[in-house]
């Protein structure tokens, strides 16, 4: 299902036409709810950067939301995965910024501040302070481009049911629709979301070799009892 098909479907289901700007808001709100409930692989992104010797801060990507993993790569190409800690842990463990070595820990430091200006860009703090320019590989969670601007997305192509009913819930709430129909759409959304979780948080995180084949226990006989 692409953007145009989604808009037509929502309009037909609700038997109501809303301004394009409102429709786009309903869709993006639904996407945000879904992406914060199910961790699909397309929500992951991988980037590389470089530390600066003597500088314990590292900028986050502009679209960064949360970290999956961070690793420093030494001159031999060996990966050393950093442990996530609080800023206060790093400050306490490495109180002197001039004490440098290969980083072992990282924390989300917060927005960058220049004078009285606070930037929306987040940054990491590393501990200890890097003693060289290490390559850094960051796997992180982000919102992929919305179907509103991309026209087609992984979610629309592979799990349009949850996107459709999620948008219907947002749209029908705005329209102040009948309670029973809103409950119906919400129920359908939750059913679709459960199936999406089975895929994103279940099947895509396992295989038959490691986890065994998926099995449903057979029903026990009732021995004639009704």
C-alpha atoms as a PDB file:
ATOM      1  CA  UNK A   1       0.000   0.000   0.000  1.00  0.00           C
ATOM      2  CA  UNK A   2       1.434   3.358  -1.053  1.00  0.00           C
ATOM      3  CA  UNK A   3       0.540   6.827   0.207  1.00  0.00           C
ATOM      4  CA  UNK A   4      -2.217   7.468  -2.345  1.00  0.00           C
ATOM      5  CA  UNK A   5      -3.854   4.093  -1.664  1.00  0.00           C
ATOM      6  CA  UNK A   6      -3.704   4.712   2.088  1.00  0.00           C
ATOM      7  CA  UNK A   7      -5.417   8.077   1.768  1.00  0.00           C
ATOM      8  CA  UNK A   8      -8.164   6.581  -0.404  1.00  0.00           C
ATOM      9  CA  UNK A   9      -8.677   3.705   2.044  1.00  0.00           C
ATOM     10  CA  UNK A  10      -8.957   6.008   5.088  1.00  0.00           C
ATOM     11  CA  UNK A  11     -11.370   8.285   3.213  1.00  0.00           C
ATOM     12  CA  UNK A  12     -13.531   5.321   2.165  1.00  0.00           C
ATOM     13  CA  UNK A  13     -13.557   3.724   5.615  1.00  0.00           C
ATOM     14  CA  UNK A  14     -14.514   6.937   7.412  1.00  0.00           C
ATOM     15  CA  UNK A  15     -16.740   8.225   4.594  1.00  0.00           C
ATOM     16  CA  UNK A  16     -15.202  11.601   5.223  1.00  0.00           C
ATOM     17  CA  UNK A  17     -12.723  13.811   3.386  1.00  0.00           C
ATOM     18  CA  UNK A  18     -10.246  15.774   5.500  1.00  0.00           C
ATOM     19  CA  UNK A  19      -7.634  18.349   4.484  1.00  0.00           C
ATOM     20  CA  UNK A  20      -4.372  16.864   3.225  1.00  0.00           C
ATOM     21  CA  UNK A  21      -2.383  18.429   6.064  1.00  0.00           C
ATOM     22  CA  UNK A  22      -4.591  16.730   8.656  1.00  0.00           C
ATOM     23  CA  UNK A  23      -4.431  13.404   6.823  1.00  0.00           C
ATOM     24  CA  UNK A  24      -0.641  13.602   6.785  1.00  0.00           C
ATOM     25  CA  UNK A  25      -0.649  14.259  10.522  1.00  0.00           C
ATOM     26  CA  UNK A  26      -2.832  11.190  11.147  1.00  0.00           C
ATOM     27  CA  UNK A  27      -0.460   9.027   9.123  1.00  0.00           C
ATOM     28  CA  UNK A  28       2.748  10.265  10.738  1.00  0.00           C
ATOM     29  CA  UNK A  29       1.236   9.914  14.216  1.00  0.00           C
ATOM     30  CA  UNK A  30       0.263   6.328  13.415  1.00  0.00           C
ATOM     31  CA  UNK A  31       3.760   5.587  12.111  1.00  0.00           C
ATOM     32  CA  UNK A  32       5.304   6.987  15.269  1.00  0.00           C
ATOM     33  CA  UNK A  33       3.109   4.827  17.492  1.00  0.00           C
ATOM     34  CA  UNK A  34       3.950   1.718  15.482  1.00  0.00           C
ATOM     35  CA  UNK A  35       7.690   2.402  15.353  1.00  0.00           C
ATOM     36  CA  UNK A  36       7.779   2.916  19.122  1.00  0.00           C
ATOM     37  CA  UNK A  37       5.969  -0.374  19.733  1.00  0.00           C
ATOM     38  CA  UNK A  38       7.626  -2.782  17.286  1.00  0.00           C
ATOM     39  CA  UNK A  39      11.371  -2.850  16.585  1.00  0.00           C
ATOM     40  CA  UNK A  40      11.447  -3.686  12.882  1.00  0.00           C
ATOM     41  CA  UNK A  41      14.924  -4.090  11.303  1.00  0.00           C
ATOM     42  CA  UNK A  42      14.293  -1.127   8.930  1.00  0.00           C
ATOM     43  CA  UNK A  43      14.347   1.119  12.017  1.00  0.00           C
ATOM     44  CA  UNK A  44      18.069   0.454  12.422  1.00  0.00           C
ATOM     45  CA  UNK A  45      20.788   2.522  10.849  1.00  0.00           C
ATOM     46  CA  UNK A  46      24.556   2.131  10.772  1.00  0.00           C
ATOM     47  CA  UNK A  47      27.066   4.974  10.520  1.00  0.00           C
ATOM     48  CA  UNK A  48      30.791   5.384  11.087  1.00  0.00           C
ATOM     49  CA  UNK A  49      32.671   8.320  12.516  1.00  0.00           C
ATOM     50  CA  UNK A  50      36.016   9.188  14.075  1.00  0.00           C
ATOM     51  CA  UNK A  51      37.013  10.263  17.564  1.00  0.00           C
ATOM     52  CA  UNK A  52      39.412  13.134  18.131  1.00  0.00           C
ATOM     53  CA  UNK A  53      42.419  12.588  20.349  1.00  0.00           C
ATOM     54  CA  UNK A  54      41.935  14.457  23.633  1.00  0.00           C
ATOM     55  CA  UNK A  55      38.229  15.130  22.993  1.00  0.00           C
ATOM     56  CA  UNK A  56      35.816  12.969  24.979  1.00  0.00           C
ATOM     57  CA  UNK A  57      32.707  14.160  23.105  1.00  0.00           C
ATOM     58  CA  UNK A  58      31.251  12.638  19.951  1.00  0.00           C
ATOM     59  CA  UNK A  59      28.342  14.077  17.971  1.00  0.00           C
ATOM     60  CA  UNK A  60      25.176  12.047  17.373  1.00  0.00           C
ATOM     61  CA  UNK A  61      23.644  11.757  13.894  1.00  0.00           C
ATOM     62  CA  UNK A  62      20.903  14.297  13.241  1.00  0.00           C
ATOM     63  CA  UNK A  63      18.195  11.604  13.066  1.00  0.00           C
ATOM     64  CA  UNK A  64      19.422   9.708  16.151  1.00  0.00           C
ATOM     65  CA  UNK A  65      16.799   8.448  18.618  1.00  0.00           C
ATOM     66  CA  UNK A  66      18.449   5.641  20.614  1.00  0.00           C
ATOM     67  CA  UNK A  67      21.521   3.415  20.531  1.00  0.00           C
ATOM     68  CA  UNK A  68      21.688  -0.254  19.628  1.00  0.00           C
ATOM     69  CA  UNK A  69      25.480  -0.513  19.906  1.00  0.00           C
ATOM     70  CA  UNK A  70      28.670   1.491  19.660  1.00  0.00           C
ATOM     71  CA  UNK A  71      32.159   0.146  18.930  1.00  0.00           C
ATOM     72  CA  UNK A  72      35.601   1.641  18.476  1.00  0.00           C
ATOM     73  CA  UNK A  73      37.852   0.100  15.842  1.00  0.00           C
ATOM     74  CA  UNK A  74      41.597   0.118  16.413  1.00  0.00           C
ATOM     75  CA  UNK A  75      44.384   0.286  13.820  1.00  0.00           C
ATOM     76  CA  UNK A  76      44.278  -3.507  13.317  1.00  0.00           C
ATOM     77  CA  UNK A  77      40.556  -3.444  12.519  1.00  0.00           C
ATOM     78  CA  UNK A  78      39.569  -5.076  15.821  1.00  0.00           C
ATOM     79  CA  UNK A  79      36.204  -4.055  17.269  1.00  0.00           C
ATOM     80  CA  UNK A  80      35.817  -3.102  20.921  1.00  0.00           C
ATOM     81  CA  UNK A  81      32.172  -2.648  21.885  1.00  0.00           C
ATOM     82  CA  UNK A  82      31.573   0.078  24.436  1.00  0.00           C
ATOM     83  CA  UNK A  83      29.334  -0.304  27.483  1.00  0.00           C
ATOM     84  CA  UNK A  84      26.501   2.161  27.996  1.00  0.00           C
ATOM     85  CA  UNK A  85      26.711   4.078  31.283  1.00  0.00           C
ATOM     86  CA  UNK A  86      25.363   7.242  32.905  1.00  0.00           C
ATOM     87  CA  UNK A  87      27.235  10.508  32.494  1.00  0.00           C
ATOM     88  CA  UNK A  88      27.899  10.597  36.253  1.00  0.00           C
ATOM     89  CA  UNK A  89      29.591   7.164  36.078  1.00  0.00           C
ATOM     90  CA  UNK A  90      32.006   8.385  33.406  1.00  0.00           C
ATOM     91  CA  UNK A  91      32.680  11.626  35.291  1.00  0.00           C
ATOM     92  CA  UNK A  92      33.413   9.660  38.492  1.00  0.00           C
ATOM     93  CA  UNK A  93      35.487   6.913  36.840  1.00  0.00           C
ATOM     94  CA  UNK A  94      37.523   9.336  34.709  1.00  0.00           C
ATOM     95  CA  UNK A  95      37.517  12.681  36.554  1.00  0.00           C
ATOM     96  CA  UNK A  96      40.552  14.027  34.704  1.00  0.00           C
ATOM     97  CA  UNK A  97      39.824  14.673  31.011  1.00  0.00           C
ATOM     98  CA  UNK A  98      43.532  14.577  30.200  1.00  0.00           C
ATOM     99  CA  UNK A  99      43.770  10.906  31.234  1.00  0.00           C
ATOM    100  CA  UNK A 100      43.485   9.245  27.835  1.00  0.00           C
ATOM    101  CA  UNK A 101      43.187   5.672  26.562  1.00  0.00           C
ATOM    102  CA  UNK A 102      40.986   3.542  24.327  1.00  0.00           C
ATOM    103  CA  UNK A 103      37.358   4.322  25.272  1.00  0.00           C
ATOM    104  CA  UNK A 104      35.466   1.611  27.152  1.00  0.00           C
ATOM    105  CA  UNK A 105      32.198   3.370  28.011  1.00  0.00           C
ATOM    106  CA  UNK A 106      29.813   5.884  26.505  1.00  0.00           C
ATOM    107  CA  UNK A 107      26.797   7.855  27.670  1.00  0.00           C
ATOM    108  CA  UNK A 108      24.244  10.083  25.992  1.00  0.00           C
ATOM    109  CA  UNK A 109      25.431  13.498  27.113  1.00  0.00           C
ATOM    110  CA  UNK A 110      22.599  15.695  25.863  1.00  0.00           C
ATOM    111  CA  UNK A 111      22.240  18.723  23.581  1.00  0.00           C
ATOM    112  CA  UNK A 112      25.272  20.711  22.530  1.00  0.00           C
ATOM    113  CA  UNK A 113      25.595  24.124  24.212  1.00  0.00           C
ATOM    114  CA  UNK A 114      27.463  27.103  22.777  1.00  0.00           C
ATOM    115  CA  UNK A 115      27.252  30.145  25.050  1.00  0.00           C
ATOM    116  CA  UNK A 116      23.538  30.565  25.707  1.00  0.00           C
ATOM    117  CA  UNK A 117      22.502  28.694  22.560  1.00  0.00           C
ATOM    118  CA  UNK A 118      21.283  25.114  23.000  1.00  0.00           C
ATOM    119  CA  UNK A 119      21.414  22.947  19.883  1.00  0.00           C
ATOM    120  CA  UNK A 120      18.937  20.155  19.207  1.00  0.00           C
ATOM    121  CA  UNK A 121      21.840  17.941  18.204  1.00  0.00           C
ATOM    122  CA  UNK A 122      22.674  15.330  20.845  1.00  0.00           C
ATOM    123  CA  UNK A 123      26.161  14.161  21.712  1.00  0.00           C
ATOM    124  CA  UNK A 124      27.933  11.268  23.419  1.00  0.00           C
ATOM    125  CA  UNK A 125      30.546  11.422  26.137  1.00  0.00           C
ATOM    126  CA  UNK A 126      33.266   8.748  26.085  1.00  0.00           C
ATOM    127  CA  UNK A 127      35.283   7.327  28.927  1.00  0.00           C
ATOM    128  CA  UNK A 128      38.195   7.436  29.098  1.00  0.00           C
ATOM    129  CA  UNK A 129      39.020  10.324  26.765  1.00  0.00           C
ATOM    130  CA  UNK A 130      40.271   8.910  23.428  1.00  0.00           C
ATOM    131  CA  UNK A 131      44.045   8.883  23.048  1.00  0.00           C
ATOM    132  CA  UNK A 132      43.866   8.668  19.258  1.00  0.00           C
ATOM    133  CA  UNK A 133      41.531   9.109  16.308  1.00  0.00           C
ATOM    134  CA  UNK A 134      39.582   5.838  16.454  1.00  0.00           C
ATOM    135  CA  UNK A 135      36.983   4.824  13.932  1.00  0.00           C
ATOM    136  CA  UNK A 136      33.586   4.440  15.588  1.00  0.00           C
ATOM    137  CA  UNK A 137      30.720   2.301  14.326  1.00  0.00           C
ATOM    138  CA  UNK A 138      27.296   3.238  15.656  1.00  0.00           C
ATOM    139  CA  UNK A 139      24.117   1.211  15.214  1.00  0.00           C
ATOM    140  CA  UNK A 140      21.129   3.296  16.194  1.00  0.00           C
ATOM    141  CA  UNK A 141      17.362   3.582  16.128  1.00  0.00           C
ATOM    142  CA  UNK A 142      15.742   6.252  13.954  1.00  0.00           C
ATOM    143  CA  UNK A 143      12.449   7.043  12.268  1.00  0.00           C
ATOM    144  CA  UNK A 144      12.599   6.087   8.584  1.00  0.00           C
ATOM    145  CA  UNK A 145      11.140   8.500   6.062  1.00  0.00           C
ATOM    146  CA  UNK A 146       7.372   8.730   6.342  1.00  0.00           C
ATOM    147  CA  UNK A 147       5.155   7.304   3.637  1.00  0.00           C
ATOM    148  CA  UNK A 148       3.779  10.846   3.386  1.00  0.00           C
ATOM    149  CA  UNK A 149       6.963  12.035   1.679  1.00  0.00           C
ATOM    150  CA  UNK A 150       8.413   8.757   0.420  1.00  0.00           C
ATOM    151  CA  UNK A 151       5.157   7.515  -1.169  1.00  0.00           C
ATOM    152  CA  UNK A 152       6.230   3.900  -0.536  1.00  0.00           C
ATOM    153  CA  UNK A 153       7.859   2.471   2.605  1.00  0.00           C
ATOM    154  CA  UNK A 154       8.801  -0.891   4.055  1.00  0.00           C
ATOM    155  CA  UNK A 155       5.856  -0.698   6.462  1.00  0.00           C
ATOM    156  CA  UNK A 156       3.370   0.111   3.715  1.00  0.00           C
ATOM    157  CA  UNK A 157       4.729  -2.646   1.480  1.00  0.00           C
ATOM    158  CA  UNK A 158       5.005  -5.369   4.121  1.00  0.00           C
ATOM    159  CA  UNK A 159       2.527  -4.593   6.906  1.00  0.00           C
ATOM    160  CA  UNK A 160      -0.067  -2.198   5.554  1.00  0.00           C
ATOM    161  CA  UNK A 161      -2.783  -3.513   7.895  1.00  0.00           C
ATOM    162  CA  UNK A 162      -1.266  -2.003  11.010  1.00  0.00           C
ATOM    163  CA  UNK A 163      -0.582   1.270   9.189  1.00  0.00           C
ATOM    164  CA  UNK A 164      -4.147   1.466   7.869  1.00  0.00           C
ATOM    165  CA  UNK A 165      -5.866   0.808  11.189  1.00  0.00           C
ATOM    166  CA  UNK A 166      -3.401   2.970  13.098  1.00  0.00           C
ATOM    167  CA  UNK A 167      -4.238   5.863  10.773  1.00  0.00           C
ATOM    168  CA  UNK A 168      -7.961   5.148  11.067  1.00  0.00           C
ATOM    169  CA  UNK A 169      -7.756   5.389  14.868  1.00  0.00           C
ATOM    170  CA  UNK A 170      -6.045   8.777  14.622  1.00  0.00           C
ATOM    171  CA  UNK A 171      -8.450  10.032  11.938  1.00  0.00           C
ATOM    172  CA  UNK A 172     -11.648   8.826  13.610  1.00  0.00           C
ATOM    173  CA  UNK A 173     -10.569  10.329  16.927  1.00  0.00           C
ATOM    174  CA  UNK A 174     -10.144  13.672  15.177  1.00  0.00           C
ATOM    175  CA  UNK A 175     -13.554  13.300  13.523  1.00  0.00           C
ATOM    176  CA  UNK A 176     -15.159  12.528  16.890  1.00  0.00           C
ATOM    177  CA  UNK A 177     -16.706   9.475  15.330  1.00  0.00           C
ATOM    178  CA  UNK A 178     -19.108   7.026  16.912  1.00  0.00           C
ATOM    179  CA  UNK A 179     -17.720   5.272  19.975  1.00  0.00           C
ATOM    180  CA  UNK A 180     -18.490   1.771  18.741  1.00  0.00           C
ATOM    181  CA  UNK A 181     -16.721   2.341  15.416  1.00  0.00           C
ATOM    182  CA  UNK A 182     -13.703   3.885  17.123  1.00  0.00           C
ATOM    183  CA  UNK A 183     -13.555   0.840  19.405  1.00  0.00           C
ATOM    184  CA  UNK A 184     -13.761  -1.407  16.332  1.00  0.00           C
ATOM    185  CA  UNK A 185     -10.888   0.377  14.580  1.00  0.00           C
ATOM    186  CA  UNK A 186      -8.819   0.362  17.764  1.00  0.00           C
ATOM    187  CA  UNK A 187      -9.416  -3.365  18.195  1.00  0.00           C
ATOM    188  CA  UNK A 188      -8.384  -4.053  14.607  1.00  0.00           C
ATOM    189  CA  UNK A 189      -5.283  -1.905  15.119  1.00  0.00           C
ATOM    190  CA  UNK A 190      -4.294  -3.871  18.223  1.00  0.00           C
ATOM    191  CA  UNK A 191      -4.821  -7.180  16.389  1.00  0.00           C
ATOM    192  CA  UNK A 192      -2.610  -6.010  13.523  1.00  0.00           C
ATOM    193  CA  UNK A 193      -0.042  -4.647  15.990  1.00  0.00           C
ATOM    194  CA  UNK A 194       0.142  -8.031  17.727  1.00  0.00           C
ATOM    195  CA  UNK A 195       0.910  -9.702  14.397  1.00  0.00           C
ATOM    196  CA  UNK A 196       3.504  -7.031  13.645  1.00  0.00           C
ATOM    197  CA  UNK A 197       5.161  -7.688  17.014  1.00  0.00           C
ATOM    198  CA  UNK A 198       5.227 -11.400  16.246  1.00  0.00           C
ATOM    199  CA  UNK A 199       7.181 -10.551  13.100  1.00  0.00           C
ATOM    200  CA  UNK A 200       9.412  -7.693  14.259  1.00  0.00           C
ATOM    201  CA  UNK A 201      10.110  -8.799  17.824  1.00  0.00           C
ATOM    202  CA  UNK A 202       9.755 -12.541  17.247  1.00  0.00           C
ATOM    203  CA  UNK A 203      10.336 -14.183  13.864  1.00  0.00           C
ATOM    204  CA  UNK A 204      12.942 -11.655  12.713  1.00  0.00           C
ATOM    205  CA  UNK A 205      14.964 -12.239  15.880  1.00  0.00           C
ATOM    206  CA  UNK A 206      15.108 -16.034  15.708  1.00  0.00           C
ATOM    207  CA  UNK A 207      15.742 -18.933  13.360  1.00  0.00           C
ATOM    208  CA  UNK A 208      14.970 -22.642  13.349  1.00  0.00           C
ATOM    209  CA  UNK A 209      18.588 -23.655  14.060  1.00  0.00           C
ATOM    210  CA  UNK A 210      18.965 -21.528  17.186  1.00  0.00           C
ATOM    211  CA  UNK A 211      15.394 -21.341  18.502  1.00  0.00           C
ATOM    212  CA  UNK A 212      13.731 -24.396  16.971  1.00  0.00           C
ATOM    213  CA  UNK A 213      10.745 -24.302  14.679  1.00  0.00           C
ATOM    214  CA  UNK A 214       7.712 -22.350  15.841  1.00  0.00           C
ATOM    215  CA  UNK A 215       5.162 -24.727  17.329  1.00  0.00           C
ATOM    216  CA  UNK A 216       1.628 -24.338  18.630  1.00  0.00           C
ATOM    217  CA  UNK A 217       0.736 -26.839  21.401  1.00  0.00           C
ATOM    218  CA  UNK A 218      -2.027 -29.214  20.302  1.00  0.00           C
ATOM    219  CA  UNK A 219      -5.365 -28.917  22.022  1.00  0.00           C
ATOM    220  CA  UNK A 220      -5.891 -31.402  24.864  1.00  0.00           C
ATOM    221  CA  UNK A 221      -8.722 -33.889  24.308  1.00  0.00           C
ATOM    222  CA  UNK A 222     -11.864 -33.088  26.294  1.00  0.00           C
ATOM    223  CA  UNK A 223     -12.591 -36.801  26.974  1.00  0.00           C
ATOM    224  CA  UNK A 224     -16.201 -36.302  26.044  1.00  0.00           C
ATOM    225  CA  UNK A 225     -16.740 -33.546  28.576  1.00  0.00           C
ATOM    226  CA  UNK A 226     -18.703 -30.600  27.226  1.00  0.00           C
END
